[in-house]
Amino acid sequence: MTLNVVTLVGRAGQNPDVKYFESGSVKCSFTLAVNRISRNSDEPDWFNLEIWGKTAEVAANYVRKGSLIGVTGSLKFEYWQDRATGAKRSKPVIAVDRLDLLGSRQDTEQHQNTHSRDDDGEF
């Protein structure tokens, strides 16, 4: 028996990137910043999220940069070949099955006003 389940709680790194396909499918992607309890660092870990279907529509409508959310899904890897160098590349992605909107609108607005990120989604 194998098990691939990931559960994370954190803040959206940017507004969701939403794509609508001719087939009617909806895909939503964004990053999630999750603080790791550590004595050495206050830097968050960043996770790439991919959400499909009705859950993607919910994310598109309600998740904004700084929103506190919880996600449950599975870890997968995306593979591609770098066009410039020909090198094989990969990145981990959380394929989200469940999305929980945890923060209040007031909490999200306060977080956006007190924590600034640069354009790369970093603190």
N, C-alpha and C. Protein backbone atom coordinates (compact mmCIF):
# COMPACT_ATOMS: atom_id res chain seq x y z
N MET A 1 0.84 -1.18 0.00
CA MET A 1 0.00 0.00 0.00
C MET A 1 0.88 1.24 0.00
N THR A 2 0.51 2.23 -0.79
CA THR A 2 1.22 3.49 -0.82
C THR A 2 0.25 4.62 -0.51
N LEU A 3 0.81 5.75 -0.07
CA LEU A 3 -0.02 6.88 0.31
C LEU A 3 0.70 8.17 -0.07
N ASN A 4 0.02 9.05 -0.78
CA ASN A 4 0.57 10.33 -1.19
C ASN A 4 -0.45 11.39 -0.84
N VAL A 5 -0.38 11.92 0.40
CA VAL A 5 -1.32 12.93 0.87
C VAL A 5 -0.52 14.09 1.47
N VAL A 6 -0.85 15.29 1.04
CA VAL A 6 -0.20 16.50 1.54
C VAL A 6 -1.27 17.42 2.10
N THR A 7 -1.07 17.91 3.33
CA THR A 7 -1.98 18.88 3.93
C THR A 7 -1.14 20.08 4.37
N LEU A 8 -1.52 21.26 3.91
CA LEU A 8 -0.78 22.48 4.22
C LEU A 8 -1.74 23.60 4.61
N VAL A 9 -1.28 24.48 5.49
CA VAL A 9 -2.00 25.70 5.83
C VAL A 9 -1.01 26.84 5.69
N GLY A 10 -1.39 27.86 4.93
CA GLY A 10 -0.50 28.99 4.71
C GLY A 10 -1.23 30.12 4.03
N ARG A 11 -0.44 31.04 3.46
CA ARG A 11 -1.00 32.23 2.80
C ARG A 11 -0.65 32.23 1.33
N ALA A 12 -1.63 32.63 0.52
CA ALA A 12 -1.43 32.70 -0.93
C ALA A 12 -0.33 33.70 -1.24
N GLY A 13 0.60 33.29 -2.09
CA GLY A 13 1.72 34.15 -2.47
C GLY A 13 1.37 35.20 -3.50
N GLN A 14 0.31 34.94 -4.26
CA GLN A 14 -0.17 35.90 -5.24
C GLN A 14 -1.61 35.56 -5.57
N ASN A 15 -2.26 36.43 -6.34
CA ASN A 15 -3.61 36.13 -6.79
C ASN A 15 -3.55 34.91 -7.70
N PRO A 16 -4.56 34.06 -7.68
CA PRO A 16 -4.55 32.87 -8.53
C PRO A 16 -4.47 33.21 -10.02
N ASP A 17 -3.71 32.40 -10.75
CA ASP A 17 -3.64 32.47 -12.21
C ASP A 17 -4.66 31.46 -12.73
N VAL A 18 -5.71 31.96 -13.38
CA VAL A 18 -6.83 31.12 -13.79
C VAL A 18 -6.82 30.95 -15.31
N LYS A 19 -6.98 29.69 -15.75
CA LYS A 19 -7.06 29.39 -17.18
C LYS A 19 -8.36 28.64 -17.44
N TYR A 20 -9.09 29.07 -18.48
CA TYR A 20 -10.31 28.41 -18.91
C TYR A 20 -10.02 27.72 -20.24
N PHE A 21 -10.38 26.46 -20.36
CA PHE A 21 -10.11 25.68 -21.56
C PHE A 21 -11.38 25.50 -22.37
N GLU A 22 -11.22 25.28 -23.69
CA GLU A 22 -12.37 25.10 -24.58
C GLU A 22 -13.24 23.93 -24.13
N SER A 23 -12.64 22.94 -23.50
CA SER A 23 -13.38 21.77 -23.03
C SER A 23 -14.32 22.11 -21.87
N GLY A 24 -14.16 23.32 -21.29
CA GLY A 24 -14.96 23.72 -20.14
C GLY A 24 -14.22 23.56 -18.83
N SER A 25 -13.04 22.94 -18.88
CA SER A 25 -12.24 22.77 -17.66
C SER A 25 -11.67 24.10 -17.20
N VAL A 26 -11.46 24.20 -15.89
CA VAL A 26 -10.86 25.39 -15.28
C VAL A 26 -9.65 24.93 -14.47
N LYS A 27 -8.53 25.64 -14.64
CA LYS A 27 -7.31 25.34 -13.89
C LYS A 27 -6.86 26.62 -13.20
N CYS A 28 -6.45 26.48 -11.96
CA CYS A 28 -6.01 27.61 -11.16
C CYS A 28 -4.66 27.26 -10.55
N SER A 29 -3.70 28.17 -10.65
CA SER A 29 -2.37 27.94 -10.09
C SER A 29 -1.93 29.15 -9.28
N PHE A 30 -1.26 28.90 -8.16
CA PHE A 30 -0.62 29.96 -7.38
C PHE A 30 0.29 29.31 -6.36
N THR A 31 1.08 30.14 -5.68
CA THR A 31 1.99 29.62 -4.67
C THR A 31 1.39 29.80 -3.28
N LEU A 32 1.85 28.97 -2.36
CA LEU A 32 1.42 29.02 -0.97
C LEU A 32 2.65 29.13 -0.08
N ALA A 33 2.68 30.14 0.79
CA ALA A 33 3.77 30.31 1.75
C ALA A 33 3.37 29.67 3.06
N VAL A 34 4.20 28.75 3.54
CA VAL A 34 3.93 28.04 4.78
C VAL A 34 5.11 28.23 5.71
N ASN A 35 4.84 28.78 6.90
CA ASN A 35 5.92 28.98 7.87
C ASN A 35 6.30 27.65 8.50
N ARG A 36 7.60 27.40 8.55
CA ARG A 36 8.11 26.21 9.21
C ARG A 36 8.68 26.66 10.55
N ILE A 37 8.32 25.96 11.61
CA ILE A 37 8.83 26.32 12.93
C ILE A 37 10.30 25.91 12.99
N SER A 38 11.15 26.92 13.15
CA SER A 38 12.59 26.68 13.15
C SER A 38 13.27 27.76 13.97
N ARG A 39 14.32 27.37 14.65
CA ARG A 39 15.08 28.37 15.43
C ARG A 39 15.98 29.19 14.53
N ASN A 40 16.29 28.65 13.35
CA ASN A 40 17.29 29.29 12.49
C ASN A 40 16.72 30.30 11.50
N SER A 41 15.43 30.19 11.18
CA SER A 41 14.92 31.00 10.10
C SER A 41 13.43 31.29 10.26
N ASP A 42 13.05 32.49 9.81
CA ASP A 42 11.64 32.86 9.76
C ASP A 42 11.13 32.82 8.31
N GLU A 43 11.97 32.35 7.38
CA GLU A 43 11.59 32.29 5.98
C GLU A 43 10.57 31.18 5.76
N PRO A 44 9.53 31.47 4.97
CA PRO A 44 8.53 30.43 4.70
C PRO A 44 9.03 29.46 3.64
N ASP A 45 8.42 28.30 3.59
CA ASP A 45 8.59 27.37 2.48
C ASP A 45 7.51 27.72 1.46
N TRP A 46 7.86 27.66 0.17
CA TRP A 46 6.92 28.00 -0.90
C TRP A 46 6.52 26.74 -1.66
N PHE A 47 5.23 26.57 -1.87
CA PHE A 47 4.69 25.41 -2.58
C PHE A 47 3.88 25.88 -3.78
N ASN A 48 4.05 25.19 -4.90
CA ASN A 48 3.25 25.45 -6.11
C ASN A 48 1.97 24.65 -6.02
N LEU A 49 0.83 25.31 -6.19
CA LEU A 49 -0.47 24.65 -6.13
C LEU A 49 -1.11 24.60 -7.52
N GLU A 50 -1.80 23.48 -7.81
CA GLU A 50 -2.57 23.34 -9.04
C GLU A 50 -3.95 22.82 -8.65
N ILE A 51 -4.98 23.55 -9.07
CA ILE A 51 -6.35 23.22 -8.69
C ILE A 51 -7.20 23.18 -9.96
N TRP A 52 -8.10 22.18 -10.06
CA TRP A 52 -8.95 22.01 -11.23
C TRP A 52 -10.43 22.03 -10.85
N GLY A 53 -11.27 22.32 -11.83
CA GLY A 53 -12.72 22.18 -11.69
C GLY A 53 -13.38 23.20 -10.79
N LYS A 54 -14.42 22.74 -10.09
CA LYS A 54 -15.20 23.63 -9.21
C LYS A 54 -14.32 24.24 -8.12
N THR A 55 -13.37 23.45 -7.61
CA THR A 55 -12.48 23.96 -6.57
C THR A 55 -11.63 25.10 -7.12
N ALA A 56 -11.22 25.00 -8.39
CA ALA A 56 -10.46 26.08 -9.04
C ALA A 56 -11.31 27.34 -9.15
N GLU A 57 -12.59 27.18 -9.44
CA GLU A 57 -13.49 28.34 -9.53
C GLU A 57 -13.63 29.03 -8.18
N VAL A 58 -13.72 28.24 -7.11
CA VAL A 58 -13.79 28.81 -5.76
C VAL A 58 -12.51 29.60 -5.47
N ALA A 59 -11.36 29.01 -5.78
CA ALA A 59 -10.08 29.69 -5.55
C ALA A 59 -10.02 30.99 -6.35
N ALA A 60 -10.44 30.94 -7.62
CA ALA A 60 -10.40 32.13 -8.47
C ALA A 60 -11.26 33.25 -7.91
N ASN A 61 -12.40 32.89 -7.32
CA ASN A 61 -13.34 33.90 -6.82
C ASN A 61 -13.00 34.42 -5.42
N TYR A 62 -12.37 33.60 -4.59
CA TYR A 62 -12.23 33.97 -3.18
C TYR A 62 -10.79 34.08 -2.67
N VAL A 63 -9.83 33.48 -3.32
CA VAL A 63 -8.45 33.55 -2.84
C VAL A 63 -7.76 34.76 -3.46
N ARG A 64 -7.11 35.53 -2.62
CA ARG A 64 -6.31 36.67 -3.05
C ARG A 64 -4.96 36.59 -2.36
N LYS A 65 -3.99 37.31 -2.89
CA LYS A 65 -2.66 37.36 -2.29
C LYS A 65 -2.80 37.66 -0.80
N GLY A 66 -2.21 36.81 0.05
CA GLY A 66 -2.27 36.99 1.49
C GLY A 66 -3.38 36.21 2.16
N SER A 67 -4.33 35.62 1.39
CA SER A 67 -5.42 34.85 1.99
C SER A 67 -4.88 33.64 2.76
N LEU A 68 -5.45 33.41 3.94
CA LEU A 68 -5.10 32.23 4.73
C LEU A 68 -5.97 31.07 4.25
N ILE A 69 -5.32 30.01 3.78
CA ILE A 69 -6.05 28.86 3.26
C ILE A 69 -5.43 27.55 3.73
N GLY A 70 -6.23 26.52 3.67
CA GLY A 70 -5.75 25.16 3.91
C GLY A 70 -5.99 24.35 2.65
N VAL A 71 -5.06 23.47 2.31
CA VAL A 71 -5.22 22.61 1.15
C VAL A 71 -4.86 21.18 1.50
N THR A 72 -5.53 20.25 0.85
CA THR A 72 -5.20 18.84 0.93
C THR A 72 -5.13 18.33 -0.50
N GLY A 73 -4.11 17.55 -0.78
CA GLY A 73 -3.95 17.01 -2.12
C GLY A 73 -2.82 16.01 -2.16
N SER A 74 -2.19 15.89 -3.31
CA SER A 74 -1.09 14.95 -3.47
C SER A 74 0.09 15.65 -4.14
N LEU A 75 1.27 15.12 -3.89
CA LEU A 75 2.49 15.67 -4.47
C LEU A 75 2.74 15.01 -5.82
N LYS A 76 3.00 15.84 -6.84
CA LYS A 76 3.38 15.32 -8.15
C LYS A 76 4.55 16.15 -8.66
N PHE A 77 5.18 15.70 -9.71
CA PHE A 77 6.28 16.45 -10.31
C PHE A 77 5.96 16.76 -11.75
N GLU A 78 6.23 18.00 -12.16
CA GLU A 78 6.11 18.39 -13.56
C GLU A 78 7.50 18.33 -14.16
N TYR A 79 7.61 17.77 -15.36
CA TYR A 79 8.90 17.63 -16.04
C TYR A 79 8.85 18.34 -17.38
N TRP A 80 9.97 18.97 -17.76
CA TRP A 80 10.08 19.61 -19.06
C TRP A 80 11.55 19.75 -19.41
N GLN A 81 11.78 20.12 -20.67
CA GLN A 81 13.14 20.33 -21.13
C GLN A 81 13.33 21.82 -21.36
N ASP A 82 14.39 22.38 -20.77
CA ASP A 82 14.70 23.80 -20.91
C ASP A 82 15.01 24.10 -22.38
N ARG A 83 14.28 25.04 -22.97
CA ARG A 83 14.46 25.35 -24.39
C ARG A 83 15.84 25.93 -24.69
N ALA A 84 16.36 26.74 -23.78
CA ALA A 84 17.64 27.41 -24.03
C ALA A 84 18.83 26.46 -23.88
N THR A 85 18.80 25.63 -22.84
CA THR A 85 19.97 24.78 -22.55
C THR A 85 19.76 23.31 -22.90
N GLY A 86 18.52 22.91 -23.09
CA GLY A 86 18.24 21.50 -23.36
C GLY A 86 18.25 20.63 -22.10
N ALA A 87 18.49 21.26 -20.93
CA ALA A 87 18.56 20.51 -19.68
C ALA A 87 17.17 20.05 -19.26
N LYS A 88 17.10 18.87 -18.68
CA LYS A 88 15.84 18.37 -18.14
C LYS A 88 15.58 19.05 -16.81
N ARG A 89 14.36 19.52 -16.66
CA ARG A 89 13.98 20.27 -15.45
C ARG A 89 12.75 19.63 -14.83
N SER A 90 12.54 19.93 -13.54
CA SER A 90 11.35 19.45 -12.86
C SER A 90 11.03 20.38 -11.70
N LYS A 91 9.77 20.34 -11.27
CA LYS A 91 9.38 21.08 -10.07
C LYS A 91 8.26 20.32 -9.38
N PRO A 92 8.26 20.35 -8.04
CA PRO A 92 7.17 19.72 -7.30
C PRO A 92 5.93 20.60 -7.32
N VAL A 93 4.77 19.96 -7.42
CA VAL A 93 3.49 20.67 -7.46
C VAL A 93 2.51 19.90 -6.57
N ILE A 94 1.72 20.64 -5.81
CA ILE A 94 0.66 20.02 -5.01
C ILE A 94 -0.61 20.05 -5.85
N ALA A 95 -1.11 18.87 -6.23
CA ALA A 95 -2.39 18.74 -6.93
C ALA A 95 -3.48 18.77 -5.87
N VAL A 96 -4.17 19.90 -5.75
CA VAL A 96 -5.11 20.14 -4.66
C VAL A 96 -6.46 19.48 -4.94
N ASP A 97 -6.93 18.70 -3.96
CA ASP A 97 -8.25 18.08 -4.01
C ASP A 97 -9.26 18.85 -3.17
N ARG A 98 -8.79 19.45 -2.08
CA ARG A 98 -9.67 20.16 -1.15
C ARG A 98 -9.04 21.51 -0.80
N LEU A 99 -9.87 22.54 -0.81
CA LEU A 99 -9.45 23.90 -0.48
C LEU A 99 -10.34 24.41 0.64
N ASP A 100 -9.72 24.89 1.73
CA ASP A 100 -10.48 25.49 2.84
C ASP A 100 -10.08 26.95 2.98
N LEU A 101 -11.07 27.84 2.93
CA LEU A 101 -10.84 29.27 3.12
C LEU A 101 -10.88 29.52 4.62
N LEU A 102 -9.72 29.84 5.21
CA LEU A 102 -9.62 29.89 6.67
C LEU A 102 -9.70 31.29 7.27
N GLY A 103 -9.15 32.26 6.61
CA GLY A 103 -9.10 33.60 7.19
C GLY A 103 -10.34 34.40 6.86
N SER A 104 -10.63 35.36 7.69
CA SER A 104 -11.72 36.28 7.40
C SER A 104 -11.22 37.31 6.39
N ARG A 105 -12.13 38.01 5.75
CA ARG A 105 -11.74 39.06 4.81
C ARG A 105 -10.90 40.12 5.53
N GLN A 106 -11.27 40.48 6.75
CA GLN A 106 -10.54 41.47 7.53
C GLN A 106 -9.12 40.98 7.80
N ASP A 107 -8.96 39.70 8.16
CA ASP A 107 -7.64 39.12 8.41
C ASP A 107 -6.77 39.22 7.17
N THR A 108 -7.33 38.89 6.00
CA THR A 108 -6.58 38.93 4.75
C THR A 108 -6.16 40.35 4.42
N GLU A 109 -7.09 41.31 4.56
CA GLU A 109 -6.76 42.71 4.25
C GLU A 109 -5.69 43.24 5.19
N GLN A 110 -5.77 42.90 6.49
CA GLN A 110 -4.74 43.34 7.44
C GLN A 110 -3.39 42.73 7.08
N HIS A 111 -3.37 41.45 6.70
CA HIS A 111 -2.12 40.79 6.35
C HIS A 111 -1.50 41.45 5.12
N GLN A 112 -2.31 41.80 4.14
CA GLN A 112 -1.79 42.43 2.93
C GLN A 112 -1.20 43.79 3.24
N ASN A 113 -1.77 44.49 4.21
CA ASN A 113 -1.29 45.82 4.54
C ASN A 113 -0.05 45.80 5.44
N THR A 114 0.18 44.72 6.17
CA THR A 114 1.30 44.69 7.11
C THR A 114 2.49 43.88 6.63
N HIS A 115 2.31 43.07 5.59
CA HIS A 115 3.40 42.25 5.05
C HIS A 115 3.52 42.52 3.57
N SER A 116 4.64 43.07 3.15
CA SER A 116 4.81 43.32 1.73
C SER A 116 5.72 42.27 1.12
N ARG A 117 5.41 41.92 -0.13
CA ARG A 117 6.22 40.97 -0.88
C ARG A 117 6.70 41.66 -2.13
N ASP A 118 7.84 41.22 -2.66
CA ASP A 118 8.26 41.78 -3.94
C ASP A 118 7.51 41.06 -5.06
N ASP A 119 7.81 41.40 -6.31
CA ASP A 119 7.07 40.86 -7.45
C ASP A 119 7.27 39.36 -7.66
N ASP A 120 8.27 38.77 -7.03
CA ASP A 120 8.51 37.35 -7.19
C ASP A 120 7.75 36.52 -6.16
N GLY A 121 6.93 37.17 -5.32
CA GLY A 121 6.15 36.44 -4.33
C GLY A 121 6.93 36.14 -3.07
N GLU A 122 8.08 36.76 -2.92
CA GLU A 122 8.91 36.54 -1.75
C GLU A 122 8.64 37.61 -0.71
N PHE A 123 8.85 37.26 0.55
CA PHE A 123 8.69 38.23 1.64
C PHE A 123 9.84 39.19 1.64
